[in-house]
Amino acid sequence: MEKAKESIDSLFLEIERIRELLNDAIRSYGISSEEALYYSEELNKLIIHVQLHNRKTSCYT
């Protein structure tokens, strides 16, 4: 269980890092730039990963 918590904690840190990169890309290049779209897609993948993890762990509690 502790390893799963560490994994989720690291995902949250990565989400925050990518969110900041996305905001920087939007400010620098615009919301429809390739850079912004790339970071947006990466952020979506991470968020989905967390949601799937939460769904999986909530089935056992």
Foldseek 3Di string as FASTA:
>chain_A
DVVVVVVVVVLVVVLVVLVVQLVVCCVPPNCPDPSNVVSVVVNVVSVVVNVVVVVVVVVVD
